All heavy atoms as atom14 arrays in JSON, in Angstrom:
{
  "sequence": "GLVQTGGSLRLSCLVSGSIFSFNAMGWYRQAPGKQRELVAALTSAGT",
  "atom14_mask": [
    [1, 1, 1, 1, 0, 0, 0, 0, 0, 0, 0, 0, 0, 0],
    [1, 1, 1, 1, 1, 1, 1, 1, 0, 0, 0, 0, 0, 0],
    [1, 1, 1, 1, 1, 1, 1, 0, 0, 0, 0, 0, 0, 0],
    [1, 1, 1, 1, 1, 1, 1, 1, 1, 0, 0, 0, 0, 0],
    [1, 1, 1, 1, 1, 1, 1, 0, 0, 0, 0, 0, 0, 0],
    [1, 1, 1, 1, 0, 0, 0, 0, 0, 0, 0, 0, 0, 0],
    [1, 1, 1, 1, 0, 0, 0, 0, 0, 0, 0, 0, 0, 0],
    [1, 1, 1, 1, 1, 1, 0, 0, 0, 0, 0, 0, 0, 0],
    [1, 1, 1, 1, 1, 1, 1, 1, 0, 0, 0, 0, 0, 0],
    [1, 1, 1, 1, 1, 1, 1, 1, 1, 1, 1, 0, 0, 0],
    [1, 1, 1, 1, 1, 1, 1, 1, 0, 0, 0, 0, 0, 0],
    [1, 1, 1, 1, 1, 1, 0, 0, 0, 0, 0, 0, 0, 0],
    [1, 1, 1, 1, 1, 1, 0, 0, 0, 0, 0, 0, 0, 0],
    [1, 1, 1, 1, 1, 1, 1, 1, 0, 0, 0, 0, 0, 0],
    [1, 1, 1, 1, 1, 1, 1, 0, 0, 0, 0, 0, 0, 0],
    [1, 1, 1, 1, 1, 1, 0, 0, 0, 0, 0, 0, 0, 0],
    [1, 1, 1, 1, 0, 0, 0, 0, 0, 0, 0, 0, 0, 0],
    [1, 1, 1, 1, 1, 1, 0, 0, 0, 0, 0, 0, 0, 0],
    [1, 1, 1, 1, 1, 1, 1, 1, 0, 0, 0, 0, 0, 0],
    [1, 1, 1, 1, 1, 1, 1, 1, 1, 1, 1, 0, 0, 0],
    [1, 1, 1, 1, 1, 1, 0, 0, 0, 0, 0, 0, 0, 0],
    [1, 1, 1, 1, 1, 1, 1, 1, 1, 1, 1, 0, 0, 0],
    [1, 1, 1, 1, 1, 1, 1, 1, 0, 0, 0, 0, 0, 0],
    [1, 1, 1, 1, 1, 0, 0, 0, 0, 0, 0, 0, 0, 0],
    [1, 1, 1, 1, 1, 1, 1, 1, 0, 0, 0, 0, 0, 0],
    [1, 1, 1, 1, 0, 0, 0, 0, 0, 0, 0, 0, 0, 0],
    [1, 1, 1, 1, 1, 1, 1, 1, 1, 1, 1, 1, 1, 1],
    [1, 1, 1, 1, 1, 1, 1, 1, 1, 1, 1, 1, 0, 0],
    [1, 1, 1, 1, 1, 1, 1, 1, 1, 1, 1, 0, 0, 0],
    [1, 1, 1, 1, 1, 1, 1, 1, 1, 0, 0, 0, 0, 0],
    [1, 1, 1, 1, 1, 0, 0, 0, 0, 0, 0, 0, 0, 0],
    [1, 1, 1, 1, 1, 1, 1, 0, 0, 0, 0, 0, 0, 0],
    [1, 1, 1, 1, 0, 0, 0, 0, 0, 0, 0, 0, 0, 0],
    [1, 1, 1, 1, 1, 1, 1, 1, 1, 0, 0, 0, 0, 0],
    [1, 1, 1, 1, 1, 1, 1, 1, 1, 0, 0, 0, 0, 0],
    [1, 1, 1, 1, 1, 1, 1, 1, 1, 1, 1, 0, 0, 0],
    [1, 1, 1, 1, 1, 1, 1, 1, 1, 0, 0, 0, 0, 0],
    [1, 1, 1, 1, 1, 1, 1, 1, 0, 0, 0, 0, 0, 0],
    [1, 1, 1, 1, 1, 1, 1, 0, 0, 0, 0, 0, 0, 0],
    [1, 1, 1, 1, 1, 0, 0, 0, 0, 0, 0, 0, 0, 0],
    [1, 1, 1, 1, 1, 0, 0, 0, 0, 0, 0, 0, 0, 0],
    [1, 1, 1, 1, 1, 1, 1, 1, 0, 0, 0, 0, 0, 0],
    [1, 1, 1, 1, 1, 1, 1, 0, 0, 0, 0, 0, 0, 0],
    [1, 1, 1, 1, 1, 1, 0, 0, 0, 0, 0, 0, 0, 0],
    [1, 1, 1, 1, 1, 0, 0, 0, 0, 0, 0, 0, 0, 0],
    [1, 1, 1, 1, 0, 0, 0, 0, 0, 0, 0, 0, 0, 0],
    [1, 1, 1, 1, 1, 1, 1, 0, 0, 0, 0, 0, 0, 0]
  ],
  "atom14_positions": [
    [[-72.55, -36.85, -64.44], [-72.36, -38.08, -63.71], [-71.76, -37.83, -62.34], [-71.74, -36.7, -61.86], [0.0, 0.0, 0.0], [0.0, 0.0, 0.0], [0.0, 0.0, 0.0], [0.0, 0.0, 0.0], [0.0, 0.0, 0.0], [0.0, 0.0, 0.0], [0.0, 0.0, 0.0], [0.0, 0.0, 0.0], [0.0, 0.0, 0.0], [0.0, 0.0, 0.0]],
    [[-71.27, -38.91, -61.75], [-70.65, -38.86, -60.42], [-69.14, -38.94, -60.59], [-68.63, -39.83, -61.28], [-71.16, -40.01, -59.57], [-70.52, -40.2, -58.19], [-70.82, -39.0, -57.3], [-71.02, -41.49, -57.56], [0.0, 0.0, 0.0], [0.0, 0.0, 0.0], [0.0, 0.0, 0.0], [0.0, 0.0, 0.0], [0.0, 0.0, 0.0], [0.0, 0.0, 0.0]],
    [[-68.44, -38.03, -59.93], [-66.98, -38.01, -60.03], [-66.41, -37.61, -58.68], [-67.07, -36.93, -57.88], [-66.53, -37.01, -61.13], [-66.93, -35.59, -60.79], [-65.05, -37.13, -61.42], [0.0, 0.0, 0.0], [0.0, 0.0, 0.0], [0.0, 0.0, 0.0], [0.0, 0.0, 0.0], [0.0, 0.0, 0.0], [0.0, 0.0, 0.0], [0.0, 0.0, 0.0]],
    [[-65.21, -38.06, -58.4], [-64.56, -37.71, -57.15], [-63.93, -36.32, -57.22], [-63.65, -35.82, -58.32], [-63.48, -38.74, -56.81], [-64.03, -40.11, -56.44], [-62.94, -41.07, -55.99], [-61.78, -40.94, -56.38], [-63.3, -42.03, -55.17], [0.0, 0.0, 0.0], [0.0, 0.0, 0.0], [0.0, 0.0, 0.0], [0.0, 0.0, 0.0], [0.0, 0.0, 0.0]],
    [[-63.71, -35.74, -56.08], [-63.01, -34.45, -56.0], [-61.69, -34.52, -56.76], [-60.94, -35.48, -56.61], [-62.76, -34.07, -54.55], [-64.03, -33.88, -53.88], [-61.97, -32.77, -54.45], [0.0, 0.0, 0.0], [0.0, 0.0, 0.0], [0.0, 0.0, 0.0], [0.0, 0.0, 0.0], [0.0, 0.0, 0.0], [0.0, 0.0, 0.0], [0.0, 0.0, 0.0]],
    [[-61.46, -33.52, -57.58], [-60.24, -33.48, -58.38], [-60.39, -34.09, -59.75], [-59.49, -33.96, -60.6], [0.0, 0.0, 0.0], [0.0, 0.0, 0.0], [0.0, 0.0, 0.0], [0.0, 0.0, 0.0], [0.0, 0.0, 0.0], [0.0, 0.0, 0.0], [0.0, 0.0, 0.0], [0.0, 0.0, 0.0], [0.0, 0.0, 0.0], [0.0, 0.0, 0.0]],
    [[-61.5, -34.74, -60.0], [-61.73, -35.39, -61.28], [-62.2, -34.44, -62.35], [-62.31, -33.22, -62.13], [0.0, 0.0, 0.0], [0.0, 0.0, 0.0], [0.0, 0.0, 0.0], [0.0, 0.0, 0.0], [0.0, 0.0, 0.0], [0.0, 0.0, 0.0], [0.0, 0.0, 0.0], [0.0, 0.0, 0.0], [0.0, 0.0, 0.0], [0.0, 0.0, 0.0]],
    [[-62.48, -34.99, -63.53], [-62.89, -34.2, -64.68], [-64.12, -34.81, -65.33], [-64.35, -36.03, -65.26], [-61.77, -34.14, -65.72], [-60.63, -33.5, -65.21], [0.0, 0.0, 0.0], [0.0, 0.0, 0.0], [0.0, 0.0, 0.0], [0.0, 0.0, 0.0], [0.0, 0.0, 0.0], [0.0, 0.0, 0.0], [0.0, 0.0, 0.0], [0.0, 0.0, 0.0]],
    [[-64.89, -33.95, -65.96], [-66.03, -34.36, -66.79], [-66.1, -33.41, -67.98], [-65.7, -32.23, -67.87], [-67.35, -34.29, -66.02], [-67.67, -35.37, -65.0], [-68.94, -35.0, -64.24], [-67.81, -36.73, -65.66], [0.0, 0.0, 0.0], [0.0, 0.0, 0.0], [0.0, 0.0, 0.0], [0.0, 0.0, 0.0], [0.0, 0.0, 0.0], [0.0, 0.0, 0.0]],
    [[-66.63, -33.9, -69.07], [-66.91, -33.03, -70.21], [-68.39, -33.12, -70.55], [-68.9, -34.2, -70.88], [-66.08, -33.39, -71.44], [-66.22, -32.35, -72.55], [-65.38, -32.63, -73.77], [-65.96, -33.67, -74.62], [-65.67, -33.82, -75.91], [-64.81, -33.01, -76.5], [-66.23, -34.81, -76.6], [0.0, 0.0, 0.0], [0.0, 0.0, 0.0], [0.0, 0.0, 0.0]],
    [[-69.05, -31.99, -70.45], [-70.46, -31.91, -70.81], [-70.59, -31.52, -72.28], [-69.78, -30.75, -72.79], [-71.18, -30.89, -69.94], [-71.07, -31.07, -68.42], [-71.91, -30.0, -67.72], [-71.48, -32.46, -68.01], [0.0, 0.0, 0.0], [0.0, 0.0, 0.0], [0.0, 0.0, 0.0], [0.0, 0.0, 0.0], [0.0, 0.0, 0.0], [0.0, 0.0, 0.0]],
    [[-71.63, -32.04, -72.92], [-71.91, -31.7, -74.31], [-73.33, -31.17, -74.42], [-74.23, -31.64, -73.71], [-71.77, -32.94, -75.2], [-70.47, -33.46, -75.16], [0.0, 0.0, 0.0], [0.0, 0.0, 0.0], [0.0, 0.0, 0.0], [0.0, 0.0, 0.0], [0.0, 0.0, 0.0], [0.0, 0.0, 0.0], [0.0, 0.0, 0.0], [0.0, 0.0, 0.0]],
    [[-73.52, -30.22, -75.3], [-74.84, -29.67, -75.58], [-75.03, -29.74, -77.09], [-74.44, -28.95, -77.84], [-74.95, -28.24, -75.09], [-76.51, -27.42, -75.53], [0.0, 0.0, 0.0], [0.0, 0.0, 0.0], [0.0, 0.0, 0.0], [0.0, 0.0, 0.0], [0.0, 0.0, 0.0], [0.0, 0.0, 0.0], [0.0, 0.0, 0.0], [0.0, 0.0, 0.0]],
    [[-75.86, -30.67, -77.51], [-76.15, -30.83, -78.94], [-77.36, -29.98, -79.3], [-78.41, -30.1, -78.67], [-76.42, -32.31, -79.25], [-76.84, -32.63, -80.68], [-75.74, -32.25, -81.67], [-77.21, -34.1, -80.8], [0.0, 0.0, 0.0], [0.0, 0.0, 0.0], [0.0, 0.0, 0.0], [0.0, 0.0, 0.0], [0.0, 0.0, 0.0], [0.0, 0.0, 0.0]],
    [[-77.18, -29.14, -80.3], [-78.23, -28.21, -80.71], [-78.82, -28.66, -82.04], [-78.07, -28.99, -82.96], [-77.66, -26.79, -80.85], [-78.76, -25.8, -81.22], [-76.98, -26.36, -79.56], [0.0, 0.0, 0.0], [0.0, 0.0, 0.0], [0.0, 0.0, 0.0], [0.0, 0.0, 0.0], [0.0, 0.0, 0.0], [0.0, 0.0, 0.0], [0.0, 0.0, 0.0]],
    [[-80.14, -28.65, -82.13], [-80.79, -28.96, -83.4], [-80.75, -27.72, -84.27], [-81.45, -26.76, -84.02], [-82.23, -29.4, -83.16], [-82.98, -28.36, -82.58], [0.0, 0.0, 0.0], [0.0, 0.0, 0.0], [0.0, 0.0, 0.0], [0.0, 0.0, 0.0], [0.0, 0.0, 0.0], [0.0, 0.0, 0.0], [0.0, 0.0, 0.0], [0.0, 0.0, 0.0]],
    [[-79.91, -27.75, -85.27], [-79.75, -26.57, -86.1], [-78.38, -25.96, -85.9], [-77.66, -26.33, -84.97], [0.0, 0.0, 0.0], [0.0, 0.0, 0.0], [0.0, 0.0, 0.0], [0.0, 0.0, 0.0], [0.0, 0.0, 0.0], [0.0, 0.0, 0.0], [0.0, 0.0, 0.0], [0.0, 0.0, 0.0], [0.0, 0.0, 0.0], [0.0, 0.0, 0.0]],
    [[-78.05, -25.03, -86.75], [-76.72, -24.43, -86.7], [-76.56, -23.52, -85.49], [-77.41, -22.68, -85.22], [-76.48, -23.61, -87.97], [-75.28, -22.88, -87.86], [0.0, 0.0, 0.0], [0.0, 0.0, 0.0], [0.0, 0.0, 0.0], [0.0, 0.0, 0.0], [0.0, 0.0, 0.0], [0.0, 0.0, 0.0], [0.0, 0.0, 0.0], [0.0, 0.0, 0.0]],
    [[-75.44, -23.7, -84.78], [-75.2, -22.85, -83.63], [-74.77, -21.45, -84.06], [-74.71, -20.54, -83.25], [-74.17, -23.47, -82.66], [-72.85, -23.76, -83.36], [-74.74, -24.7, -82.02], [-71.79, -24.32, -82.42], [0.0, 0.0, 0.0], [0.0, 0.0, 0.0], [0.0, 0.0, 0.0], [0.0, 0.0, 0.0], [0.0, 0.0, 0.0], [0.0, 0.0, 0.0]],
    [[-74.5, -21.26, -85.35], [-74.21, -19.93, -85.86], [-75.41, -19.01, -85.75], [-75.27, -17.79, -85.76], [-73.78, -20.01, -87.33], [-72.38, -20.46, -87.54], [-72.09, -21.65, -88.17], [-71.31, -19.69, -87.1], [-70.79, -22.07, -88.37], [-70.0, -20.09, -87.3], [-69.75, -21.31, -87.93], [0.0, 0.0, 0.0], [0.0, 0.0, 0.0], [0.0, 0.0, 0.0]],
    [[-76.61, -19.6, -85.67], [-77.82, -18.79, -85.65], [-78.1, -18.15, -84.3], [-79.05, -17.38, -84.16], [-79.02, -19.65, -86.07], [-79.3, -20.63, -85.09], [0.0, 0.0, 0.0], [0.0, 0.0, 0.0], [0.0, 0.0, 0.0], [0.0, 0.0, 0.0], [0.0, 0.0, 0.0], [0.0, 0.0, 0.0], [0.0, 0.0, 0.0], [0.0, 0.0, 0.0]],
    [[-77.27, -18.45, -83.31], [-77.49, -17.93, -81.96], [-76.46, -16.84, -81.63], [-75.3, -16.92, -82.02], [-77.41, -19.05, -80.94], [-78.44, -20.12, -81.15], [-78.09, -21.32, -81.75], [-79.76, -19.91, -80.8], [-79.03, -22.29, -81.97], [-80.71, -20.88, -81.01], [-80.35, -22.08, -81.61], [0.0, 0.0, 0.0], [0.0, 0.0, 0.0], [0.0, 0.0, 0.0]],
    [[-76.91, -15.83, -80.88], [-76.02, -14.75, -80.48], [-75.02, -15.21, -79.43], [-73.9, -14.7, -79.36], [-76.81, -13.58, -79.91], [-77.72, -12.96, -80.95], [-77.5, -13.11, -82.15], [-78.75, -12.28, -80.5], [0.0, 0.0, 0.0], [0.0, 0.0, 0.0], [0.0, 0.0, 0.0], [0.0, 0.0, 0.0], [0.0, 0.0, 0.0], [0.0, 0.0, 0.0]],
    [[-75.47, -16.13, -78.6], [-74.63, -16.59, -77.51], [-75.05, -17.99, -77.1], [-76.21, -18.39, -77.28], [-74.74, -15.65, -76.3], [0.0, 0.0, 0.0], [0.0, 0.0, 0.0], [0.0, 0.0, 0.0], [0.0, 0.0, 0.0], [0.0, 0.0, 0.0], [0.0, 0.0, 0.0], [0.0, 0.0, 0.0], [0.0, 0.0, 0.0], [0.0, 0.0, 0.0]],
    [[-74.09, -18.71, -76.57], [-74.33, -20.03, -76.0], [-73.72, -20.04, -74.61], [-72.64, -19.48, -74.4], [-73.67, -21.13, -76.84], [-74.1, -21.16, -78.3], [-75.77, -21.77, -78.52], [-75.64, -23.42, -77.87], [0.0, 0.0, 0.0], [0.0, 0.0, 0.0], [0.0, 0.0, 0.0], [0.0, 0.0, 0.0], [0.0, 0.0, 0.0], [0.0, 0.0, 0.0]],
    [[-74.39, -20.71, -73.68], [-73.84, -20.71, -72.33], [-74.21, -21.94, -71.54], [-75.15, -22.66, -71.88], [0.0, 0.0, 0.0], [0.0, 0.0, 0.0], [0.0, 0.0, 0.0], [0.0, 0.0, 0.0], [0.0, 0.0, 0.0], [0.0, 0.0, 0.0], [0.0, 0.0, 0.0], [0.0, 0.0, 0.0], [0.0, 0.0, 0.0], [0.0, 0.0, 0.0]],
    [[-73.45, -22.14, -70.5], [-73.72, -23.2, -69.52], [-74.08, -22.54, -68.2], [-73.38, -21.62, -67.75], [-72.5, -24.1, -69.33], [-72.27, -25.07, -70.44], [-71.43, -24.92, -71.5], [-72.91, -26.34, -70.6], [-71.5, -26.03, -72.32], [-72.4, -26.91, -71.79], [-73.85, -27.06, -69.87], [-72.8, -28.17, -72.25], [-74.25, -28.3, -70.33], [-73.72, -28.85, -71.52]],
    [[-75.13, -23.03, -67.59], [-75.59, -22.56, -66.3], [-75.68, -23.76, -65.36], [-75.74, -24.9, -65.81], [-76.97, -21.9, -66.41], [-76.96, -20.58, -67.14], [-76.77, -20.52, -68.52], [-77.15, -19.39, -66.45], [-76.74, -19.31, -69.19], [-77.15, -18.16, -67.11], [-76.94, -18.13, -68.47], [-76.94, -16.93, -69.13], [0.0, 0.0, 0.0], [0.0, 0.0, 0.0]],
    [[-75.74, -23.47, -64.07], [-75.93, -24.55, -63.11], [-76.82, -24.09, -61.98], [-76.88, -22.91, -61.65], [-74.59, -25.06, -62.57], [-73.85, -24.08, -61.68], [-72.47, -24.64, -61.32], [-71.72, -23.74, -60.45], [-70.45, -23.92, -60.12], [-69.79, -24.99, -60.57], [-69.84, -23.07, -59.32], [0.0, 0.0, 0.0], [0.0, 0.0, 0.0], [0.0, 0.0, 0.0]],
    [[-77.49, -25.07, -61.38], [-78.34, -24.78, -60.22], [-78.16, -25.89, -59.21], [-78.45, -27.06, -59.5], [-79.81, -24.65, -60.62], [-80.7, -24.21, -59.48], [-82.08, -23.79, -59.93], [-82.54, -24.17, -61.0], [-82.75, -22.98, -59.11], [0.0, 0.0, 0.0], [0.0, 0.0, 0.0], [0.0, 0.0, 0.0], [0.0, 0.0, 0.0], [0.0, 0.0, 0.0]],
    [[-77.67, -25.5, -58.05], [-77.52, -26.44, -56.94], [-78.78, -26.4, -56.1], [-79.52, -25.41, -56.11], [-76.29, -26.06, -56.12], [0.0, 0.0, 0.0], [0.0, 0.0, 0.0], [0.0, 0.0, 0.0], [0.0, 0.0, 0.0], [0.0, 0.0, 0.0], [0.0, 0.0, 0.0], [0.0, 0.0, 0.0], [0.0, 0.0, 0.0], [0.0, 0.0, 0.0]],
    [[-79.04, -27.46, -55.33], [-80.24, -27.49, -54.48], [-80.3, -26.3, -53.54], [-79.32, -25.99, -52.86], [-80.08, -28.8, -53.71], [-79.25, -29.66, -54.59], [-78.29, -28.72, -55.26], [0.0, 0.0, 0.0], [0.0, 0.0, 0.0], [0.0, 0.0, 0.0], [0.0, 0.0, 0.0], [0.0, 0.0, 0.0], [0.0, 0.0, 0.0], [0.0, 0.0, 0.0]],
    [[-81.43, -25.62, -53.53], [-81.62, -24.5, -52.64], [-80.94, -23.21, -53.07], [-80.96, -22.22, -52.33], [0.0, 0.0, 0.0], [0.0, 0.0, 0.0], [0.0, 0.0, 0.0], [0.0, 0.0, 0.0], [0.0, 0.0, 0.0], [0.0, 0.0, 0.0], [0.0, 0.0, 0.0], [0.0, 0.0, 0.0], [0.0, 0.0, 0.0], [0.0, 0.0, 0.0]],
    [[-80.35, -23.22, -54.27], [-79.64, -22.03, -54.75], [-80.23, -21.58, -56.08], [-80.9, -22.33, -56.78], [-78.15, -22.32, -54.9], [-77.43, -22.61, -53.6], [-75.94, -22.71, -53.81], [-75.2, -22.93, -52.5], [-73.73, -23.0, -52.7], [0.0, 0.0, 0.0], [0.0, 0.0, 0.0], [0.0, 0.0, 0.0], [0.0, 0.0, 0.0], [0.0, 0.0, 0.0]],
    [[-79.94, -20.32, -56.41], [-80.39, -19.79, -57.69], [-79.5, -20.3, -58.81], [-78.33, -20.63, -58.61], [-80.35, -18.26, -57.67], [-81.43, -17.63, -56.8], [-81.49, -16.12, -56.98], [-80.49, -15.49, -57.28], [-82.67, -15.56, -56.81], [0.0, 0.0, 0.0], [0.0, 0.0, 0.0], [0.0, 0.0, 0.0], [0.0, 0.0, 0.0], [0.0, 0.0, 0.0]],
    [[-80.08, -20.34, -60.0], [-79.3, -20.72, -61.16], [-78.26, -19.64, -61.44], [-78.55, -18.44, -61.36], [-80.21, -20.91, -62.37], [-79.51, -21.41, -63.61], [-80.5, -21.93, -64.64], [-81.48, -20.93, -65.0], [-82.6, -21.2, -65.68], [-82.85, -22.44, -66.06], [-83.44, -20.24, -65.99], [0.0, 0.0, 0.0], [0.0, 0.0, 0.0], [0.0, 0.0, 0.0]],
    [[-77.06, -20.08, -61.8], [-75.98, -19.13, -62.05], [-75.29, -19.46, -63.36], [-75.22, -20.62, -63.78], [-74.95, -19.16, -60.91], [-74.25, -20.48, -60.73], [-73.12, -20.41, -59.71], [-72.75, -19.31, -59.27], [-72.6, -21.49, -59.35], [0.0, 0.0, 0.0], [0.0, 0.0, 0.0], [0.0, 0.0, 0.0], [0.0, 0.0, 0.0], [0.0, 0.0, 0.0]],
    [[-74.76, -18.42, -63.97], [-73.97, -18.59, -65.18], [-72.63, -19.21, -64.83], [-71.95, -18.75, -63.91], [-73.75, -17.24, -65.87], [-72.81, -17.25, -67.07], [-73.4, -18.04, -68.23], [-72.48, -15.82, -67.51], [0.0, 0.0, 0.0], [0.0, 0.0, 0.0], [0.0, 0.0, 0.0], [0.0, 0.0, 0.0], [0.0, 0.0, 0.0], [0.0, 0.0, 0.0]],
    [[-72.24, -20.23, -65.58], [-70.94, -20.87, -65.38], [-69.96, -20.37, -66.44], [-68.85, -19.95, -66.13], [-71.06, -22.41, -65.45], [-69.69, -23.06, -65.36], [-71.99, -22.93, -64.37], [0.0, 0.0, 0.0], [0.0, 0.0, 0.0], [0.0, 0.0, 0.0], [0.0, 0.0, 0.0], [0.0, 0.0, 0.0], [0.0, 0.0, 0.0], [0.0, 0.0, 0.0]],
    [[-70.38, -20.44, -67.7], [-69.5, -20.04, -68.8], [-70.35, -19.69, -70.01], [-71.42, -20.26, -70.19], [-68.53, -21.16, -69.15], [0.0, 0.0, 0.0], [0.0, 0.0, 0.0], [0.0, 0.0, 0.0], [0.0, 0.0, 0.0], [0.0, 0.0, 0.0], [0.0, 0.0, 0.0], [0.0, 0.0, 0.0], [0.0, 0.0, 0.0], [0.0, 0.0, 0.0]],
    [[-69.85, -18.75, -70.81], [-70.61, -18.32, -71.98], [-69.69, -18.05, -73.15], [-68.53, -17.65, -72.98], [-71.42, -17.08, -71.66], [0.0, 0.0, 0.0], [0.0, 0.0, 0.0], [0.0, 0.0, 0.0], [0.0, 0.0, 0.0], [0.0, 0.0, 0.0], [0.0, 0.0, 0.0], [0.0, 0.0, 0.0], [0.0, 0.0, 0.0], [0.0, 0.0, 0.0]],
    [[-70.23, -18.29, -74.33], [-69.58, -17.96, -75.6], [-70.41, -16.9, -76.3], [-71.59, -17.13, -76.57], [-69.51, -19.2, -76.5], [-68.4, -20.2, -76.33], [-68.69, -21.45, -77.16], [-67.08, -19.59, -76.79], [0.0, 0.0, 0.0], [0.0, 0.0, 0.0], [0.0, 0.0, 0.0], [0.0, 0.0, 0.0], [0.0, 0.0, 0.0], [0.0, 0.0, 0.0]],
    [[-69.82, -15.76, -76.57], [-70.52, -14.7, -77.28], [-69.64, -14.23, -78.43], [-68.51, -14.69, -78.6], [-70.82, -13.52, -76.35], [-69.6, -12.86, -76.04], [-71.49, -13.98, -75.06], [0.0, 0.0, 0.0], [0.0, 0.0, 0.0], [0.0, 0.0, 0.0], [0.0, 0.0, 0.0], [0.0, 0.0, 0.0], [0.0, 0.0, 0.0], [0.0, 0.0, 0.0]],
    [[-70.15, -13.26, -79.18], [-69.36, -12.7, -80.27], [-68.11, -11.99, -79.75], [-67.12, -11.82, -80.47], [-70.2, -11.72, -81.09], [-70.69, -10.69, -80.26], [0.0, 0.0, 0.0], [0.0, 0.0, 0.0], [0.0, 0.0, 0.0], [0.0, 0.0, 0.0], [0.0, 0.0, 0.0], [0.0, 0.0, 0.0], [0.0, 0.0, 0.0], [0.0, 0.0, 0.0]],
    [[-68.15, -11.61, -78.47], [-67.01, -10.91, -77.87], [-65.98, -11.87, -77.3], [-64.9, -11.44, -76.9], [-67.5, -9.97, -76.78], [0.0, 0.0, 0.0], [0.0, 0.0, 0.0], [0.0, 0.0, 0.0], [0.0, 0.0, 0.0], [0.0, 0.0, 0.0], [0.0, 0.0, 0.0], [0.0, 0.0, 0.0], [0.0, 0.0, 0.0], [0.0, 0.0, 0.0]],
    [[-66.32, -13.14, -77.23], [-65.39, -14.12, -76.69], [-66.03, -14.99, -75.63], [-67.22, -15.3, -75.71], [0.0, 0.0, 0.0], [0.0, 0.0, 0.0], [0.0, 0.0, 0.0], [0.0, 0.0, 0.0], [0.0, 0.0, 0.0], [0.0, 0.0, 0.0], [0.0, 0.0, 0.0], [0.0, 0.0, 0.0], [0.0, 0.0, 0.0], [0.0, 0.0, 0.0]],
    [[-65.24, -15.38, -74.64], [-65.75, -16.25, -73.59], [-65.72, -15.51, -72.26], [-64.91, -14.61, -72.04], [-64.91, -17.52, -73.46], [-63.54, -17.16, -73.2], [-64.94, -18.34, -74.74], [0.0, 0.0, 0.0], [0.0, 0.0, 0.0], [0.0, 0.0, 0.0], [0.0, 0.0, 0.0], [0.0, 0.0, 0.0], [0.0, 0.0, 0.0], [0.0, 0.0, 0.0]]
  ]
}
């Protein structure tokens, strides 16, 4: 959504099926004119 500088948002990713079946889960972002980049990831090694 739209938020002012300094504000907060919580994104959710609902997966069909157990998330245990995946090696890793992550959030990526892509701004206009830029490449997609990794924001945060959860793996067996941590975050």
